[in-house]
Amino acid sequence: IQSRIFDPMFTTRMGRGGVGLGLSVVHNIVTRNM
């Protein structure tokens, strides 16, 4: 799953408070803004 953790809405805690947006936001900021 290492190749999918930066995909939007991918989380291993679905239904337990996980949204799957944090690492996607990280990838977005690092690659596009920085």
Full PDB file with SEQRES, HELIX, SHEET, SSBOND, CRYST1, ORIGX, SCALE, CONECT and MASTER records, all heavy atoms in Angstrom:
SEQRES   1 A   34  ILE GLN SER ARG ILE PHE ASP PRO MET PHE THR THR ARG          
SEQRES   2 A   34  MET GLY ARG GLY GLY VAL GLY LEU GLY LEU SER VAL VAL          
SEQRES   3 A   34  HIS ASN ILE VAL THR ARG ASN MET                              
HELIX    1 AA1 GLY A   22  ASN A   28  1                                   7    
HELIX    2 AA2 ILE A   29  ASN A   33  3                                   5    
CRYST1    1.000    1.000    1.000  90.00  90.00  90.00 P 1           1          
ORIGX1      1.000000  0.000000  0.000000        0.00000                         
ORIGX2      0.000000  1.000000  0.000000        0.00000                         
ORIGX3      0.000000  0.000000  1.000000        0.00000                         
SCALE1      1.000000  0.000000  0.000000        0.00000                         
SCALE2      0.000000  1.000000  0.000000        0.00000                         
SCALE3      0.000000  0.000000  1.000000        0.00000                         
ATOM      1  N   ILE A   1       0.824  -1.220   0.000  1.00  0.00           N  
ATOM      2  CA  ILE A   1       0.000   0.000   0.000  1.00  0.00           C  
ATOM      3  C   ILE A   1       0.851   1.259   0.000  1.00  0.00           C  
ATOM      4  O   ILE A   1       0.303   2.365   0.031  1.00  0.00           O  
ATOM      5  CB  ILE A   1      -0.952   0.026   1.221  1.00  0.00           C  
ATOM      6  CG1 ILE A   1      -0.147   0.114   2.524  1.00  0.00           C  
ATOM      7  CG2 ILE A   1      -1.876  -1.169   1.220  1.00  0.00           C  
ATOM      8  CD1 ILE A   1      -1.022   0.329   3.745  1.00  0.00           C  
ATOM      9  N   GLN A   2       2.177   1.132  -0.014  1.00  0.00           N  
ATOM     10  CA  GLN A   2       3.019   2.326   0.008  1.00  0.00           C  
ATOM     11  C   GLN A   2       2.828   3.181  -1.235  1.00  0.00           C  
ATOM     12  O   GLN A   2       2.980   4.401  -1.189  1.00  0.00           O  
ATOM     13  CB  GLN A   2       4.494   1.927   0.146  1.00  0.00           C  
ATOM     14  CG  GLN A   2       4.866   1.401   1.520  1.00  0.00           C  
ATOM     15  CD  GLN A   2       6.350   1.115   1.650  1.00  0.00           C  
ATOM     16  OE1 GLN A   2       7.134   1.422   0.744  1.00  0.00           O  
ATOM     17  NE2 GLN A   2       6.748   0.526   2.778  1.00  0.00           N  
ATOM     18  N   SER A   3       2.489   2.552  -2.359  1.00  0.00           N  
ATOM     19  CA  SER A   3       2.294   3.317  -3.585  1.00  0.00           C  
ATOM     20  C   SER A   3       0.944   4.024  -3.626  1.00  0.00           C  
ATOM     21  O   SER A   3       0.694   4.822  -4.525  1.00  0.00           O  
ATOM     22  CB  SER A   3       2.411   2.394  -4.807  1.00  0.00           C  
ATOM     23  OG  SER A   3       1.424   1.369  -4.745  1.00  0.00           O  
ATOM     24  N   ARG A   4       0.072   3.765  -2.649  1.00  0.00           N  
ATOM     25  CA  ARG A   4      -1.285   4.340  -2.673  1.00  0.00           C  
ATOM     26  C   ARG A   4      -1.550   5.309  -1.534  1.00  0.00           C  
ATOM     27  O   ARG A   4      -2.614   5.931  -1.491  1.00  0.00           O  
ATOM     28  CB  ARG A   4      -2.320   3.213  -2.600  1.00  0.00           C  
ATOM     29  CG  ARG A   4      -2.233   2.201  -3.735  1.00  0.00           C  
ATOM     30  CD  ARG A   4      -3.108   0.986  -3.458  1.00  0.00           C  
ATOM     31  NE  ARG A   4      -4.478   1.371  -3.185  1.00  0.00           N  
ATOM     32  CZ  ARG A   4      -5.392   0.564  -2.632  1.00  0.00           C  
ATOM     33  NH1 ARG A   4      -5.052  -0.667  -2.280  1.00  0.00           N  
ATOM     34  NH2 ARG A   4      -6.619   0.985  -2.438  1.00  0.00           N  
ATOM     35  N   ILE A   5      -0.616   5.463  -0.598  1.00  0.00           N  
ATOM     36  CA  ILE A   5      -0.921   6.245   0.600  1.00  0.00           C  
ATOM     37  C   ILE A   5      -1.072   7.727   0.302  1.00  0.00           C  
ATOM     38  O   ILE A   5      -1.662   8.471   1.096  1.00  0.00           O  
ATOM     39  CB  ILE A   5       0.155   6.038   1.688  1.00  0.00           C  
ATOM     40  CG1 ILE A   5       1.522   6.503   1.174  1.00  0.00           C  
ATOM     41  CG2 ILE A   5       0.201   4.601   2.134  1.00  0.00           C  
ATOM     42  CD1 ILE A   5       2.588   6.446   2.250  1.00  0.00           C  
ATOM     43  N   PHE A   6      -0.524   8.194  -0.852  1.00  0.00           N  
ATOM     44  CA  PHE A   6      -0.664   9.602  -1.201  1.00  0.00           C  
ATOM     45  C   PHE A   6      -1.883   9.854  -2.079  1.00  0.00           C  
ATOM     46  O   PHE A   6      -2.119  10.992  -2.501  1.00  0.00           O  
ATOM     47  CB  PHE A   6       0.592  10.111  -1.920  1.00  0.00           C  
ATOM     48  CG  PHE A   6       1.826  10.097  -1.056  1.00  0.00           C  
ATOM     49  CD1 PHE A   6       2.812   9.149  -1.254  1.00  0.00           C  
ATOM     50  CD2 PHE A   6       1.975  11.028  -0.047  1.00  0.00           C  
ATOM     51  CE1 PHE A   6       3.947   9.136  -0.461  1.00  0.00           C  
ATOM     52  CE2 PHE A   6       3.119  11.014   0.747  1.00  0.00           C  
ATOM     53  CZ  PHE A   6       4.102  10.056   0.549  1.00  0.00           C  
ATOM     54  N   ASP A   7      -2.667   8.803  -2.367  1.00  0.00           N  
ATOM     55  CA  ASP A   7      -3.888   8.987  -3.154  1.00  0.00           C  
ATOM     56  C   ASP A   7      -4.954   9.637  -2.283  1.00  0.00           C  
ATOM     57  O   ASP A   7      -5.091   9.311  -1.097  1.00  0.00           O  
ATOM     58  CB  ASP A   7      -4.400   7.648  -3.682  1.00  0.00           C  
ATOM     59  CG  ASP A   7      -3.473   7.051  -4.721  1.00  0.00           C  
ATOM     60  OD1 ASP A   7      -2.620   7.794  -5.260  1.00  0.00           O  
ATOM     61  OD2 ASP A   7      -3.609   5.845  -4.996  1.00  0.00           O  
ATOM     62  N   PRO A   8      -5.766  10.543  -2.858  1.00  0.00           N  
ATOM     63  CA  PRO A   8      -6.861  11.146  -2.080  1.00  0.00           C  
ATOM     64  C   PRO A   8      -7.867  10.090  -1.619  1.00  0.00           C  
ATOM     65  O   PRO A   8      -8.200   9.163  -2.351  1.00  0.00           O  
ATOM     66  CB  PRO A   8      -7.497  12.135  -3.072  1.00  0.00           C  
ATOM     67  CG  PRO A   8      -6.447  12.386  -4.102  1.00  0.00           C  
ATOM     68  CD  PRO A   8      -5.648  11.132  -4.215  1.00  0.00           C  
ATOM     69  N   MET A   9      -8.321  10.270  -0.375  1.00  0.00           N  
ATOM     70  CA  MET A   9      -9.345   9.424   0.250  1.00  0.00           C  
ATOM     71  C   MET A   9      -8.878   8.000   0.494  1.00  0.00           C  
ATOM     72  O   MET A   9      -9.688   7.119   0.765  1.00  0.00           O  
ATOM     73  CB  MET A   9     -10.637   9.397  -0.594  1.00  0.00           C  
ATOM     74  CG  MET A   9     -11.218  10.756  -0.905  1.00  0.00           C  
ATOM     75  SD  MET A   9     -11.482  11.772   0.562  1.00  0.00           S  
ATOM     76  CE  MET A   9     -12.725  10.808   1.405  1.00  0.00           C  
ATOM     77  N   PHE A  10      -7.574   7.745   0.457  1.00  0.00           N  
ATOM     78  CA  PHE A  10      -7.088   6.410   0.805  1.00  0.00           C  
ATOM     79  C   PHE A  10      -6.683   6.413   2.281  1.00  0.00           C  
ATOM     80  O   PHE A  10      -5.880   7.239   2.719  1.00  0.00           O  
ATOM     81  CB  PHE A  10      -5.877   6.032  -0.053  1.00  0.00           C  
ATOM     82  CG  PHE A  10      -5.290   4.689   0.340  1.00  0.00           C  
ATOM     83  CD1 PHE A  10      -5.883   3.517  -0.078  1.00  0.00           C  
ATOM     84  CD2 PHE A  10      -4.174   4.616   1.160  1.00  0.00           C  
ATOM     85  CE1 PHE A  10      -5.361   2.284   0.292  1.00  0.00           C  
ATOM     86  CE2 PHE A  10      -3.645   3.403   1.540  1.00  0.00           C  
ATOM     87  CZ  PHE A  10      -4.245   2.223   1.098  1.00  0.00           C  
ATOM     88  N   THR A  11      -7.265   5.526   3.058  1.00  0.00           N  
ATOM     89  CA  THR A  11      -6.950   5.426   4.472  1.00  0.00           C  
ATOM     90  C   THR A  11      -7.162   3.999   4.935  1.00  0.00           C  
ATOM     91  O   THR A  11      -8.002   3.267   4.391  1.00  0.00           O  
ATOM     92  CB  THR A  11      -7.824   6.382   5.308  1.00  0.00           C  
ATOM     93  OG1 THR A  11      -7.510   6.206   6.698  1.00  0.00           O  
ATOM     94  CG2 THR A  11      -9.305   6.110   5.102  1.00  0.00           C  
ATOM     95  N   THR A  12      -6.392   3.611   5.923  1.00  0.00           N  
ATOM     96  CA  THR A  12      -6.557   2.286   6.533  1.00  0.00           C  
ATOM     97  C   THR A  12      -7.470   2.326   7.748  1.00  0.00           C  
ATOM     98  O   THR A  12      -7.661   1.319   8.411  1.00  0.00           O  
ATOM     99  CB  THR A  12      -5.181   1.721   6.939  1.00  0.00           C  
ATOM    100  OG1 THR A  12      -4.565   2.619   7.874  1.00  0.00           O  
ATOM    101  CG2 THR A  12      -4.296   1.538   5.722  1.00  0.00           C  
ATOM    102  N   ARG A  13      -8.025   3.522   8.045  1.00  0.00           N  
ATOM    103  CA  ARG A  13      -8.900   3.683   9.214  1.00  0.00           C  
ATOM    104  C   ARG A  13     -10.279   4.188   8.785  1.00  0.00           C  
ATOM    105  O   ARG A  13     -10.873   5.039   9.433  1.00  0.00           O  
ATOM    106  CB  ARG A  13      -8.277   4.665  10.206  1.00  0.00           C  
ATOM    107  CG  ARG A  13      -6.986   4.177  10.821  1.00  0.00           C  
ATOM    108  CD  ARG A  13      -6.364   5.249  11.703  1.00  0.00           C  
ATOM    109  NE  ARG A  13      -7.233   5.612  12.803  1.00  0.00           N  
ATOM    110  CZ  ARG A  13      -7.267   4.984  13.971  1.00  0.00           C  
ATOM    111  NH1 ARG A  13      -6.481   3.939  14.197  1.00  0.00           N  
ATOM    112  NH2 ARG A  13      -8.070   5.385  14.922  1.00  0.00           N  
ATOM    113  N   MET A  14     -10.769   3.705   7.662  1.00  0.00           N  
ATOM    114  CA  MET A  14     -12.086   4.102   7.189  1.00  0.00           C  
ATOM    115  C   MET A  14     -13.144   3.678   8.208  1.00  0.00           C  
ATOM    116  O   MET A  14     -13.160   2.537   8.645  1.00  0.00           O  
ATOM    117  CB  MET A  14     -12.388   3.459   5.831  1.00  0.00           C  
ATOM    118  CG  MET A  14     -13.746   3.851   5.252  1.00  0.00           C  
ATOM    119  SD  MET A  14     -13.850   5.616   4.902  1.00  0.00           S  
ATOM    120  CE  MET A  14     -12.698   5.733   3.529  1.00  0.00           C  
ATOM    121  N   GLY A  15     -13.983   4.648   8.590  1.00  0.00           N  
ATOM    122  CA  GLY A  15     -15.017   4.363   9.583  1.00  0.00           C  
ATOM    123  C   GLY A  15     -14.537   4.527  11.012  1.00  0.00           C  
ATOM    124  O   GLY A  15     -15.312   4.404  11.945  1.00  0.00           O  
ATOM    125  N   ARG A  16     -13.249   4.796  11.225  1.00  0.00           N  
ATOM    126  CA  ARG A  16     -12.707   5.002  12.582  1.00  0.00           C  
ATOM    127  C   ARG A  16     -12.056   6.371  12.700  1.00  0.00           C  
ATOM    128  O   ARG A  16     -11.104   6.568  13.434  1.00  0.00           O  
ATOM    129  CB  ARG A  16     -11.684   3.919  12.915  1.00  0.00           C  
ATOM    130  CG  ARG A  16     -12.278   2.508  12.994  1.00  0.00           C  
ATOM    131  CD  ARG A  16     -11.214   1.509  13.391  1.00  0.00           C  
ATOM    132  NE  ARG A  16     -10.142   1.436  12.405  1.00  0.00           N  
ATOM    133  CZ  ARG A  16      -8.913   0.976  12.675  1.00  0.00           C  
ATOM    134  NH1 ARG A  16      -8.614   0.570  13.898  1.00  0.00           N  
ATOM    135  NH2 ARG A  16      -8.001   0.934  11.721  1.00  0.00           N  
ATOM    136  N   GLY A  17     -12.566   7.356  11.987  1.00  0.00           N  
ATOM    137  CA  GLY A  17     -12.044   8.710  12.068  1.00  0.00           C  
ATOM    138  C   GLY A  17     -11.068   9.061  10.975  1.00  0.00           C  
ATOM    139  O   GLY A  17     -10.654  10.217  10.854  1.00  0.00           O  
ATOM    140  N   GLY A  18     -10.665   8.099  10.134  1.00  0.00           N  
ATOM    141  CA  GLY A  18      -9.739   8.378   9.048  1.00  0.00           C  
ATOM    142  C   GLY A  18     -10.456   8.918   7.833  1.00  0.00           C  
ATOM    143  O   GLY A  18     -11.526   8.434   7.458  1.00  0.00           O  
ATOM    144  N   VAL A  19      -9.881   9.978   7.203  1.00  0.00           N  
ATOM    145  CA  VAL A  19     -10.462  10.578   6.020  1.00  0.00           C  
ATOM    146  C   VAL A  19      -9.632  10.291   4.786  1.00  0.00           C  
ATOM    147  O   VAL A  19     -10.134  10.138   3.692  1.00  0.00           O  
ATOM    148  CB  VAL A  19     -10.626  12.104   6.214  1.00  0.00           C  
ATOM    149  CG1 VAL A  19     -11.244  12.736   4.985  1.00  0.00           C  
ATOM    150  CG2 VAL A  19     -11.465  12.387   7.440  1.00  0.00           C  
ATOM    151  N   GLY A  20      -8.323  10.185   4.948  1.00  0.00           N  
ATOM    152  CA  GLY A  20      -7.454   9.898   3.808  1.00  0.00           C  
ATOM    153  C   GLY A  20      -7.091  11.118   3.001  1.00  0.00           C  
ATOM    154  O   GLY A  20      -6.891  11.020   1.795  1.00  0.00           O  
ATOM    155  N   LEU A  21      -7.031  12.286   3.642  1.00  0.00           N  
ATOM    156  CA  LEU A  21      -6.685  13.506   2.918  1.00  0.00           C  
ATOM    157  C   LEU A  21      -5.355  14.094   3.359  1.00  0.00           C  
ATOM    158  O   LEU A  21      -4.778  14.913   2.644  1.00  0.00           O  
ATOM    159  CB  LEU A  21      -7.784  14.558   3.135  1.00  0.00           C  
ATOM    160  CG  LEU A  21      -9.148  14.236   2.515  1.00  0.00           C  
ATOM    161  CD1 LEU A  21     -10.143  15.327   2.859  1.00  0.00           C  
ATOM    162  CD2 LEU A  21      -9.036  14.082   1.019  1.00  0.00           C  
ATOM    163  N   GLY A  22      -4.858  13.727   4.544  1.00  0.00           N  
ATOM    164  CA  GLY A  22      -3.650  14.344   5.077  1.00  0.00           C  
ATOM    165  C   GLY A  22      -2.440  14.155   4.180  1.00  0.00           C  
ATOM    166  O   GLY A  22      -1.779  15.115   3.761  1.00  0.00           O  
ATOM    167  N   LEU A  23      -2.103  12.894   3.846  1.00  0.00           N  
ATOM    168  CA  LEU A  23      -0.933  12.633   3.006  1.00  0.00           C  
ATOM    169  C   LEU A  23      -1.154  13.122   1.584  1.00  0.00           C  
ATOM    170  O   LEU A  23      -0.201  13.501   0.897  1.00  0.00           O  
ATOM    171  CB  LEU A  23      -0.608  11.139   3.023  1.00  0.00           C  
ATOM    172  CG  LEU A  23      -0.140  10.580   4.377  1.00  0.00           C  
ATOM    173  CD1 LEU A  23       0.178   9.106   4.269  1.00  0.00           C  
ATOM    174  CD2 LEU A  23       1.083  11.338   4.879  1.00  0.00           C  
ATOM    175  N   SER A  24      -2.411  13.129   1.126  1.00  0.00           N  
ATOM    176  CA  SER A  24      -2.684  13.682  -0.198  1.00  0.00           C  
ATOM    177  C   SER A  24      -2.405  15.174  -0.226  1.00  0.00           C  
ATOM    178  O   SER A  24      -1.854  15.708  -1.195  1.00  0.00           O  
ATOM    179  CB  SER A  24      -4.137  13.398  -0.591  1.00  0.00           C  
ATOM    180  OG  SER A  24      -4.429  13.956  -1.845  1.00  0.00           O  
ATOM    181  N   VAL A  25      -2.777  15.883   0.857  1.00  0.00           N  
ATOM    182  CA  VAL A  25      -2.463  17.309   0.957  1.00  0.00           C  
ATOM    183  C   VAL A  25      -0.957  17.524   1.000  1.00  0.00           C  
ATOM    184  O   VAL A  25      -0.422  18.452   0.382  1.00  0.00           O  
ATOM    185  CB  VAL A  25      -3.146  17.912   2.208  1.00  0.00           C  
ATOM    186  CG1 VAL A  25      -2.676  19.327   2.445  1.00  0.00           C  
ATOM    187  CG2 VAL A  25      -4.652  17.875   2.044  1.00  0.00           C  
ATOM    188  N   VAL A  26      -0.234  16.643   1.728  1.00  0.00           N  
ATOM    189  CA  VAL A  26       1.228  16.739   1.792  1.00  0.00           C  
ATOM    190  C   VAL A  26       1.824  16.620   0.386  1.00  0.00           C  
ATOM    191  O   VAL A  26       2.672  17.431  -0.036  1.00  0.00           O  
ATOM    192  CB  VAL A  26       1.794  15.645   2.726  1.00  0.00           C  
ATOM    193  CG1 VAL A  26       3.306  15.551   2.574  1.00  0.00           C  
ATOM    194  CG2 VAL A  26       1.432  15.953   4.169  1.00  0.00           C  
ATOM    195  N   HIS A  27       1.385  15.605  -0.356  1.00  0.00           N  
ATOM    196  CA  HIS A  27       1.905  15.409  -1.715  1.00  0.00           C  
ATOM    197  C   HIS A  27       1.566  16.605  -2.606  1.00  0.00           C  
ATOM    198  O   HIS A  27       2.388  17.058  -3.411  1.00  0.00           O  
ATOM    199  CB  HIS A  27       1.308  14.122  -2.289  1.00  0.00           C  
ATOM    200  CG  HIS A  27       1.850  13.753  -3.636  1.00  0.00           C  
ATOM    201  ND1 HIS A  27       1.299  14.222  -4.803  1.00  0.00           N  
ATOM    202  CD2 HIS A  27       2.921  12.980  -4.003  1.00  0.00           C  
ATOM    203  CE1 HIS A  27       1.981  13.762  -5.829  1.00  0.00           C  
ATOM    204  NE2 HIS A  27       2.967  12.989  -5.376  1.00  0.00           N  
ATOM    205  N   ASN A  28       0.361  17.138  -2.452  1.00  0.00           N  
ATOM    206  CA  ASN A  28      -0.068  18.262  -3.274  1.00  0.00           C  
ATOM    207  C   ASN A  28       0.784  19.501  -3.004  1.00  0.00           C  
ATOM    208  O   ASN A  28       1.250  20.174  -3.933  1.00  0.00           O  
ATOM    209  CB  ASN A  28      -1.536  18.558  -2.988  1.00  0.00           C  
ATOM    210  CG  ASN A  28      -2.106  19.582  -3.940  1.00  0.00           C  
ATOM    211  OD1 ASN A  28      -1.688  19.667  -5.089  1.00  0.00           O  
ATOM    212  ND2 ASN A  28      -3.039  20.377  -3.463  1.00  0.00           N  
ATOM    213  N   ILE A  29       1.007  19.827  -1.705  1.00  0.00           N  
ATOM    214  CA  ILE A  29       1.775  21.019  -1.359  1.00  0.00           C  
ATOM    215  C   ILE A  29       3.226  20.871  -1.781  1.00  0.00           C  
ATOM    216  O   ILE A  29       3.831  21.790  -2.361  1.00  0.00           O  
ATOM    217  CB  ILE A  29       1.674  21.291   0.159  1.00  0.00           C  
ATOM    218  CG1 ILE A  29       0.233  21.666   0.526  1.00  0.00           C  
ATOM    219  CG2 ILE A  29       2.624  22.392   0.581  1.00  0.00           C  
ATOM    220  CD1 ILE A  29       0.009  21.852   2.003  1.00  0.00           C  
ATOM    221  N   VAL A  30       3.829  19.702  -1.504  1.00  0.00           N  
ATOM    222  CA  VAL A  30       5.256  19.518  -1.793  1.00  0.00           C  
ATOM    223  C   VAL A  30       5.524  19.579  -3.293  1.00  0.00           C  
ATOM    224  O   VAL A  30       6.467  20.239  -3.749  1.00  0.00           O  
ATOM    225  CB  VAL A  30       5.741  18.177  -1.187  1.00  0.00           C  
ATOM    226  CG1 VAL A  30       7.157  17.870  -1.660  1.00  0.00           C  
ATOM    227  CG2 VAL A  30       5.715  18.257   0.333  1.00  0.00           C  
ATOM    228  N   THR A  31       4.696  18.900  -4.077  1.00  0.00           N  
ATOM    229  CA  THR A  31       4.980  18.807  -5.508  1.00  0.00           C  
ATOM    230  C   THR A  31       4.531  20.056  -6.266  1.00  0.00           C  
ATOM    231  O   THR A  31       5.205  20.491  -7.206  1.00  0.00           O  
ATOM    232  CB  THR A  31       4.301  17.571  -6.097  1.00  0.00           C  
ATOM    233  OG1 THR A  31       2.892  17.637  -5.834  1.00  0.00           O  
ATOM    234  CG2 THR A  31       4.859  16.314  -5.476  1.00  0.00           C  
ATOM    235  N   ARG A  32       3.404  20.660  -5.878  1.00  0.00           N  
ATOM    236  CA  ARG A  32       2.876  21.783  -6.655  1.00  0.00           C  
ATOM    237  C   ARG A  32       3.353  23.129  -6.139  1.00  0.00           C  
ATOM    238  O   ARG A  32       3.701  24.005  -6.927  1.00  0.00           O  
ATOM    239  CB  ARG A  32       1.343  21.744  -6.636  1.00  0.00           C  
ATOM    240  CG  ARG A  32       0.756  20.533  -7.337  1.00  0.00           C  
ATOM    241  CD  ARG A  32      -0.756  20.634  -7.383  1.00  0.00           C  
ATOM    242  NE  ARG A  32      -1.354  19.481  -8.040  1.00  0.00           N  
ATOM    243  CZ  ARG A  32      -2.647  19.331  -8.256  1.00  0.00           C  
ATOM    244  NH1 ARG A  32      -3.489  20.279  -7.872  1.00  0.00           N  
ATOM    245  NH2 ARG A  32      -3.119  18.262  -8.858  1.00  0.00           N  
ATOM    246  N   ASN A  33       3.355  23.310  -4.833  1.00  0.00           N  
ATOM    247  CA  ASN A  33       3.679  24.616  -4.284  1.00  0.00           C  
ATOM    248  C   ASN A  33       5.165  24.799  -3.996  1.00  0.00           C  
ATOM    249  O   ASN A  33       5.687  25.907  -4.156  1.00  0.00           O  
ATOM    250  CB  ASN A  33       2.894  24.860  -2.976  1.00  0.00           C  
ATOM    251  CG  ASN A  33       1.405  24.914  -3.212  1.00  0.00           C  
ATOM    252  OD1 ASN A  33       0.781  23.880  -3.374  1.00  0.00           O  
ATOM    253  ND2 ASN A  33       0.830  26.106  -3.237  1.00  0.00           N  
ATOM    254  N   MET A  34       5.822  23.740  -3.531  1.00  0.00           N  
ATOM    255  CA  MET A  34       7.204  23.873  -3.084  1.00  0.00           C  
ATOM    256  C   MET A  34       8.213  23.342  -4.088  1.00  0.00           C  
ATOM    257  O   MET A  34       9.425  23.435  -3.866  1.00  0.00           O  
ATOM    258  CB  MET A  34       7.374  23.161  -1.725  1.00  0.00           C  
ATOM    259  CG  MET A  34       6.353  23.606  -0.676  1.00  0.00           C  
ATOM    260  SD  MET A  34       6.516  22.781   0.917  1.00  0.00           S  
ATOM    261  CE  MET A  34       8.035  23.526   1.492  1.00  0.00           C  
TER     262      MET A  34                                                      
MASTER        0    0    0    2    0    0    0    6  261    1    0    3          
END                                                                             
